[in-house]
Each structure stands twice: as C-alpha cells, then as structure tokens.
Amino acid sequence: MGPALGAEASASAQQPGSDTSLYARLGGIFAIAAVVDHFSDAIIRDPIAGARSANPALRRWHTRQLDRLPGLKFMRTLWVAAVSGGPFHYTPTRPGASNLGLEAAHASLRISPREFDAVAAVLTRSLDHFHVPAAEKQEVLAAFAAHKNEVTQGWRAAQPGH
C-alpha cells in the first residue's frame, strides 16, 4: 500500500474540531489493515519485544507460534477499526474485565512496561512508514497507550511482593 495510507488520511483529514472519525481520517479498513500488517511483522524483528526478546513468553510466541499471526493481524485490524470509530465490532477471543479483554489476552505473555514501550515504538515507525499525519498518529498512539496497564497486568502480577 505504501504511501496510500498517508494520501488517503491526508485527503480525508478535517480541521481540528471536526466530527470526522479517526477511522475515516486514517483511510478506512484497507489503510488500517496495511499499517497493522506492517506493524505485526515489525514486532517480530524488534530486539526488546520480538523473537530475540529476553522475555521467554514473547520469544516463544514470535518463534514458535507464528501460525497464529494471520489471525492476530485480523484481530488487531478489527480492534483498531472498532476503537477508531469504524463500522466494526471487536469481540475478544479471551474476554477479560474490560470489553476489550486486553488483560486476559496478554497476561500469560507477562509484557513489561519496557516491552510495551518497545511495541509502541514499532507502532510509531509503522505509522511513519505510511506517512500518517501527525494528528492522527498521536490519536492512534494515545489509544494504544491507554491500554498499557491492561497489557502489562500479567507482568505486574508476577513481580515479587505483588
């Protein structure tokens, strides 16, 4: 897709205060799927959160469970499309305390705050790769960051004295 996301997002971006959804400003499902595809592949190569991670659960996922990657890409795409205001409904495969179920899906991976931040950096690079405009990029990153406590809950629970 290359620069299409940036072109689509730029063309559909509205002035601040607009009621156009983030979903529309990102360019819709095809643009979101392209970013998620790029992002998902890039995480595997990340030295902190990917196949060479010091975290054995992440290392195992990124080396021995890649047969699940197409489904994960689909679920990530659906999640982004739904939370950005698109016409999709996300249902977690492992429901948790929240309707997104992120704490349950990530608990066994014991993702540390450092690993979460590394994934956020991968997301930033993926958004930059597709030339997502600054305002939309910040909205996507803020939506991602809003779930840090849920995603790192398994790591926190495994800490001594917790």
Protein backbone atom coordinates (compact mmCIF):
# COMPACT_ATOMS: atom_id res chain seq x y z
CA MET A 1 0.00 0.00 0.00
CA GLY A 2 2.97 2.32 0.61
CA PRO A 3 2.09 5.99 0.64
CA ALA A 4 -1.60 5.31 0.04
CA LEU A 5 -2.38 5.49 3.74
CA GLY A 6 -0.78 8.89 4.08
CA ALA A 7 -2.50 10.13 0.93
CA GLU A 8 -5.89 8.77 1.98
CA ALA A 9 -5.56 10.03 5.53
CA SER A 10 -4.39 13.46 4.35
CA ALA A 11 -7.24 13.71 1.88
CA SER A 12 -9.85 12.79 4.48
CA ALA A 13 -8.38 14.70 7.44
CA GLN A 14 -10.54 17.54 8.68
CA GLN A 15 -9.69 20.71 10.56
CA PRO A 16 -9.41 20.35 14.36
CA GLY A 17 -12.83 20.13 15.97
CA SER A 18 -14.24 18.13 13.08
CA ASP A 19 -16.59 15.25 13.80
CA THR A 20 -14.97 13.00 11.18
CA SER A 21 -13.96 9.74 12.86
CA LEU A 22 -10.36 8.70 13.28
CA TYR A 23 -11.29 5.62 11.25
CA ALA A 24 -12.21 7.81 8.25
CA ARG A 25 -9.20 10.07 8.70
CA LEU A 26 -6.88 7.05 8.72
CA GLY A 27 -8.29 5.97 5.37
CA GLY A 28 -10.63 3.16 6.39
CA ILE A 29 -10.19 -0.57 6.71
CA PHE A 30 -7.67 -1.13 3.92
CA ALA A 31 -5.31 1.55 5.21
CA ILE A 32 -5.65 0.32 8.79
CA ALA A 33 -5.02 -3.29 7.70
CA ALA A 34 -1.83 -2.22 5.88
CA VAL A 35 -0.46 -0.50 8.97
CA VAL A 36 -1.39 -3.46 11.20
CA ASP A 37 0.25 -5.88 8.76
CA HIS A 38 3.48 -3.86 8.71
CA PHE A 39 3.40 -3.33 12.48
CA SER A 40 2.75 -7.01 13.25
CA ASP A 41 5.67 -8.16 11.10
CA ALA A 42 7.97 -5.49 12.53
CA ILE A 43 7.31 -6.54 16.14
CA ILE A 44 8.82 -9.95 15.37
CA ARG A 45 12.12 -8.24 14.47
CA ASP A 46 12.13 -5.91 17.49
CA PRO A 47 15.04 -6.79 19.83
CA ILE A 48 13.08 -5.98 23.00
CA ALA A 49 9.63 -7.41 22.26
CA GLY A 50 10.24 -9.77 19.35
CA ALA A 51 11.86 -13.10 18.53
CA ARG A 52 15.05 -12.27 20.46
CA SER A 53 13.31 -10.79 23.50
CA ALA A 54 14.68 -11.52 26.94
CA ASN A 55 11.06 -12.34 27.84
CA PRO A 56 10.74 -16.11 27.22
CA ALA A 57 6.99 -15.90 26.56
CA LEU A 58 7.41 -13.22 23.88
CA ARG A 59 10.39 -15.03 22.39
CA ARG A 60 8.38 -18.27 22.22
CA TRP A 61 5.36 -16.53 20.66
CA HIS A 62 7.50 -14.87 17.99
CA THR A 63 9.38 -18.07 17.09
CA ARG A 64 7.02 -21.00 17.75
CA GLN A 65 3.50 -19.61 17.41
CA LEU A 66 3.68 -17.63 14.19
CA ASP A 67 0.96 -19.85 12.72
CA ARG A 68 -1.36 -17.62 14.78
CA LEU A 69 -0.05 -14.41 13.21
CA PRO A 70 -2.67 -14.12 10.41
CA GLY A 71 -5.47 -14.36 12.98
CA LEU A 72 -3.73 -11.89 15.25
CA LYS A 73 -3.37 -9.43 12.36
CA PHE A 74 -7.10 -9.81 11.69
CA MET A 75 -7.98 -9.24 15.36
CA ARG A 76 -5.64 -6.23 15.62
CA THR A 77 -7.14 -4.74 12.44
CA LEU A 78 -10.65 -5.27 13.74
CA TRP A 79 -9.73 -3.75 17.12
CA VAL A 80 -8.20 -0.61 15.56
CA ALA A 81 -11.12 -0.24 13.15
CA ALA A 82 -13.61 -0.50 16.00
CA VAL A 83 -11.88 1.77 18.53
CA SER A 84 -11.20 4.40 15.86
CA GLY A 85 -14.91 4.78 15.13
CA GLY A 86 -15.29 2.42 12.19
CA PRO A 87 -18.34 0.31 11.43
CA PHE A 88 -16.92 -2.82 13.07
CA HIS A 89 -17.45 -4.63 16.35
CA TYR A 90 -14.50 -6.20 18.15
CA THR A 91 -15.06 -9.22 20.37
CA PRO A 92 -12.06 -10.52 22.32
CA THR A 93 -11.05 -14.16 21.99
CA ARG A 94 -10.30 -14.16 25.73
CA PRO A 95 -12.78 -11.86 27.46
CA GLY A 96 -11.40 -10.04 30.46
CA ALA A 97 -12.56 -7.42 32.91
CA SER A 98 -12.96 -4.86 30.13
CA ASN A 99 -14.95 -5.27 26.93
CA LEU A 100 -11.65 -5.31 25.02
CA GLY A 101 -10.24 -8.20 27.03
CA LEU A 102 -6.66 -7.00 26.64
CA GLU A 103 -5.54 -8.02 30.11
CA ALA A 104 -6.67 -11.64 29.60
CA ALA A 105 -5.14 -11.90 26.12
CA HIS A 106 -1.75 -10.64 27.29
CA ALA A 107 -1.50 -11.98 30.86
CA SER A 108 0.49 -15.11 30.04
CA LEU A 109 2.98 -13.09 27.97
CA ARG A 110 3.98 -11.08 31.06
CA ILE A 111 4.70 -7.99 28.98
CA SER A 112 6.76 -5.47 30.94
CA PRO A 113 6.32 -1.71 30.65
CA ARG A 114 9.65 -1.61 28.75
CA GLU A 115 8.40 -4.22 26.27
CA PHE A 116 5.10 -2.34 25.89
CA ASP A 117 7.04 0.84 25.13
CA ALA A 118 9.13 -1.04 22.55
CA VAL A 119 5.94 -2.15 20.81
CA ALA A 120 4.70 1.47 20.91
CA ALA A 121 7.94 2.48 19.17
CA VAL A 122 7.32 -0.17 16.49
CA LEU A 123 3.81 1.22 16.03
CA THR A 124 5.24 4.73 15.69
CA ARG A 125 7.65 3.56 12.97
CA SER A 126 4.82 1.75 11.15
CA LEU A 127 2.64 4.87 11.20
CA ASP A 128 5.61 6.89 9.93
CA HIS A 129 6.24 4.32 7.19
CA PHE A 130 2.75 5.05 5.84
CA HIS A 131 3.08 8.82 6.35
CA VAL A 132 0.14 9.02 8.74
CA PRO A 133 -0.38 12.72 9.56
CA ALA A 134 0.79 13.90 12.97
CA ALA A 135 -2.67 14.46 14.48
CA GLU A 136 -3.95 11.01 13.53
CA LYS A 137 -0.67 9.39 14.55
CA GLN A 138 -0.96 10.95 18.01
CA GLU A 139 -4.56 9.74 18.35
CA VAL A 140 -3.56 6.18 17.43
CA LEU A 141 -0.61 6.23 19.84
CA ALA A 142 -2.77 7.67 22.63
CA ALA A 143 -5.37 4.92 22.09
CA PHE A 144 -2.58 2.34 22.27
CA ALA A 145 -1.01 3.89 25.39
CA ALA A 146 -4.39 3.98 27.15
CA HIS A 147 -4.20 0.18 27.48
CA LYS A 148 -0.69 -0.08 28.93
CA ASN A 149 -1.92 -1.08 32.39
CA GLU A 150 -4.14 -3.83 30.98
CA VAL A 151 -1.43 -5.25 28.71
CA THR A 152 1.24 -5.19 31.45
CA GLN A 153 -1.05 -6.57 34.17
CA GLY A 154 0.38 -10.09 33.84
CA TRP A 155 3.93 -8.80 34.32
CA ARG A 156 2.95 -6.73 37.36
CA ALA A 157 1.15 -9.69 38.93
CA ALA A 158 4.30 -11.83 38.55
CA GLN A 159 6.50 -9.33 40.36
CA PRO A 160 7.69 -10.31 43.87
CA GLY A 161 5.51 -8.90 46.62
CA HIS A 162 2.55 -8.38 44.33
